[in-house]
Amino acid sequence: MTGRAGVRVEVADRDLLRWAIGESGLSLRSVAARVGCSHGQIGHLTSGRQRSCRAELAVAIASAIGCGFDEIFTTASKG
């Protein structure tokens, strides 16, 4: 998935996202620092408080934690 400005994606499996971050050995702060967002945003994505984010951020998160993009994220529904 190539990130394009304005394209949003949803977390398809927040439990897998939370697990993958734990398995990566990185803290939420470390992931956030690597991808250029706040640790709060990563926390909101793993808790379900925030369900979507920019595609560029999702790609960066998946890469930082060593997970496939399609395993964790899906195209955001419109509406």
C-alpha atoms as a PDB file:
ATOM      1  CA  MET A   1       0.000   0.000   0.000  1.00  0.00           C
ATOM      2  CA  THR A   2       1.425   3.325  -0.943  1.00  0.00           C
ATOM      3  CA  GLY A   3       0.455   6.193   1.282  1.00  0.00           C
ATOM      4  CA  ARG A   4      -1.335   9.062  -0.431  1.00  0.00           C
ATOM      5  CA  ALA A   5      -2.264  12.290   1.277  1.00  0.00           C
ATOM      6  CA  GLY A   6      -5.811  12.195   2.586  1.00  0.00           C
ATOM      7  CA  VAL A   7      -6.246   8.429   2.371  1.00  0.00           C
ATOM      8  CA  ARG A   8      -7.441   7.027   5.690  1.00  0.00           C
ATOM      9  CA  VAL A   9      -7.415   3.451   6.845  1.00  0.00           C
ATOM     10  CA  GLU A  10      -9.000   1.689   9.808  1.00  0.00           C
ATOM     11  CA  VAL A  11      -7.495  -0.670  12.331  1.00  0.00           C
ATOM     12  CA  ALA A  12      -8.971  -4.014  11.305  1.00  0.00           C
ATOM     13  CA  ASP A  13      -7.650  -5.930  14.317  1.00  0.00           C
ATOM     14  CA  ARG A  14      -6.669  -3.840  17.329  1.00  0.00           C
ATOM     15  CA  ASP A  15      -5.872  -6.952  19.397  1.00  0.00           C
ATOM     16  CA  LEU A  16      -3.347  -8.009  16.771  1.00  0.00           C
ATOM     17  CA  LEU A  17      -1.952  -4.461  16.679  1.00  0.00           C
ATOM     18  CA  ARG A  18      -1.523  -4.468  20.464  1.00  0.00           C
ATOM     19  CA  TRP A  19       0.022  -7.972  20.366  1.00  0.00           C
ATOM     20  CA  ALA A  20       2.393  -7.085  17.509  1.00  0.00           C
ATOM     21  CA  ILE A  21       3.634  -3.991  19.323  1.00  0.00           C
ATOM     22  CA  GLY A  22       4.319  -6.121  22.398  1.00  0.00           C
ATOM     23  CA  GLU A  23       6.075  -8.780  20.336  1.00  0.00           C
ATOM     24  CA  SER A  24       8.223  -6.153  18.631  1.00  0.00           C
ATOM     25  CA  GLY A  25       9.716  -5.304  22.007  1.00  0.00           C
ATOM     26  CA  LEU A  26       8.911  -1.636  21.481  1.00  0.00           C
ATOM     27  CA  SER A  27       6.949   0.603  23.815  1.00  0.00           C
ATOM     28  CA  LEU A  28       4.117   2.788  22.537  1.00  0.00           C
ATOM     29  CA  ARG A  29       6.482   5.756  22.904  1.00  0.00           C
ATOM     30  CA  SER A  30       9.165   4.000  20.846  1.00  0.00           C
ATOM     31  CA  VAL A  31       6.734   3.134  18.066  1.00  0.00           C
ATOM     32  CA  ALA A  32       5.422   6.707  18.084  1.00  0.00           C
ATOM     33  CA  ALA A  33       8.938   8.139  17.895  1.00  0.00           C
ATOM     34  CA  ARG A  34       9.797   5.886  14.960  1.00  0.00           C
ATOM     35  CA  VAL A  35       6.677   6.791  12.985  1.00  0.00           C
ATOM     36  CA  GLY A  36       6.432  10.475  13.875  1.00  0.00           C
ATOM     37  CA  CYS A  37       3.255  10.706  15.922  1.00  0.00           C
ATOM     38  CA  SER A  38       2.352  10.987  19.597  1.00  0.00           C
ATOM     39  CA  HIS A  39       2.348   7.952  21.861  1.00  0.00           C
ATOM     40  CA  GLY A  40      -1.237   8.934  22.706  1.00  0.00           C
ATOM     41  CA  GLN A  41      -2.286   8.352  19.106  1.00  0.00           C
ATOM     42  CA  ILE A  42      -0.724   4.891  19.120  1.00  0.00           C
ATOM     43  CA  GLY A  43      -2.488   4.201  22.421  1.00  0.00           C
ATOM     44  CA  HIS A  44      -5.813   5.357  20.997  1.00  0.00           C
ATOM     45  CA  LEU A  45      -5.386   3.083  17.977  1.00  0.00           C
ATOM     46  CA  THR A  46      -4.633   0.054  20.167  1.00  0.00           C
ATOM     47  CA  SER A  47      -7.517   0.771  22.558  1.00  0.00           C
ATOM     48  CA  GLY A  48     -10.125   1.432  19.893  1.00  0.00           C
ATOM     49  CA  ARG A  49     -10.662   5.019  20.967  1.00  0.00           C
ATOM     50  CA  GLN A  50      -9.356   6.043  17.530  1.00  0.00           C
ATOM     51  CA  ARG A  51     -10.317   3.690  14.725  1.00  0.00           C
ATOM     52  CA  SER A  52      -8.645   5.275  11.719  1.00  0.00           C
ATOM     53  CA  CYS A  53      -5.481   7.113  10.720  1.00  0.00           C
ATOM     54  CA  ARG A  54      -3.660   8.342   7.637  1.00  0.00           C
ATOM     55  CA  ALA A  55      -2.473   5.567   5.350  1.00  0.00           C
ATOM     56  CA  GLU A  56       1.104   6.865   5.602  1.00  0.00           C
ATOM     57  CA  LEU A  57       1.012   6.471   9.367  1.00  0.00           C
ATOM     58  CA  ALA A  58      -0.472   2.984   9.152  1.00  0.00           C
ATOM     59  CA  VAL A  59       2.246   1.871   6.731  1.00  0.00           C
ATOM     60  CA  ALA A  60       4.910   3.286   9.057  1.00  0.00           C
ATOM     61  CA  ILE A  61       3.397   1.583  12.120  1.00  0.00           C
ATOM     62  CA  ALA A  62       3.211  -1.804  10.377  1.00  0.00           C
ATOM     63  CA  SER A  63       6.815  -1.455   9.221  1.00  0.00           C
ATOM     64  CA  ALA A  64       8.071  -0.360  12.655  1.00  0.00           C
ATOM     65  CA  ILE A  65       6.536  -3.383  14.389  1.00  0.00           C
ATOM     66  CA  GLY A  66       7.428  -5.868  11.661  1.00  0.00           C
ATOM     67  CA  CYS A  67       3.875  -6.690  10.652  1.00  0.00           C
ATOM     68  CA  GLY A  68       2.155  -6.743   7.283  1.00  0.00           C
ATOM     69  CA  PHE A  69      -0.040  -3.717   6.604  1.00  0.00           C
ATOM     70  CA  ASP A  70      -2.974  -5.897   5.479  1.00  0.00           C
ATOM     71  CA  GLU A  71      -2.828  -7.929   8.680  1.00  0.00           C
ATOM     72  CA  ILE A  72      -3.740  -4.949  10.838  1.00  0.00           C
ATOM     73  CA  PHE A  73      -5.282  -2.224   8.667  1.00  0.00           C
ATOM     74  CA  THR A  74      -8.067  -1.962   6.097  1.00  0.00           C
ATOM     75  CA  THR A  75      -9.403   0.826   3.907  1.00  0.00           C
ATOM     76  CA  ALA A  76     -11.600   3.129   6.010  1.00  0.00           C
ATOM     77  CA  SER A  77     -15.302   2.902   5.285  1.00  0.00           C
ATOM     78  CA  LYS A  78     -16.952   6.009   3.954  1.00  0.00           C
ATOM     79  CA  GLY A  79     -19.913   7.556   5.541  1.00  0.00           C
END
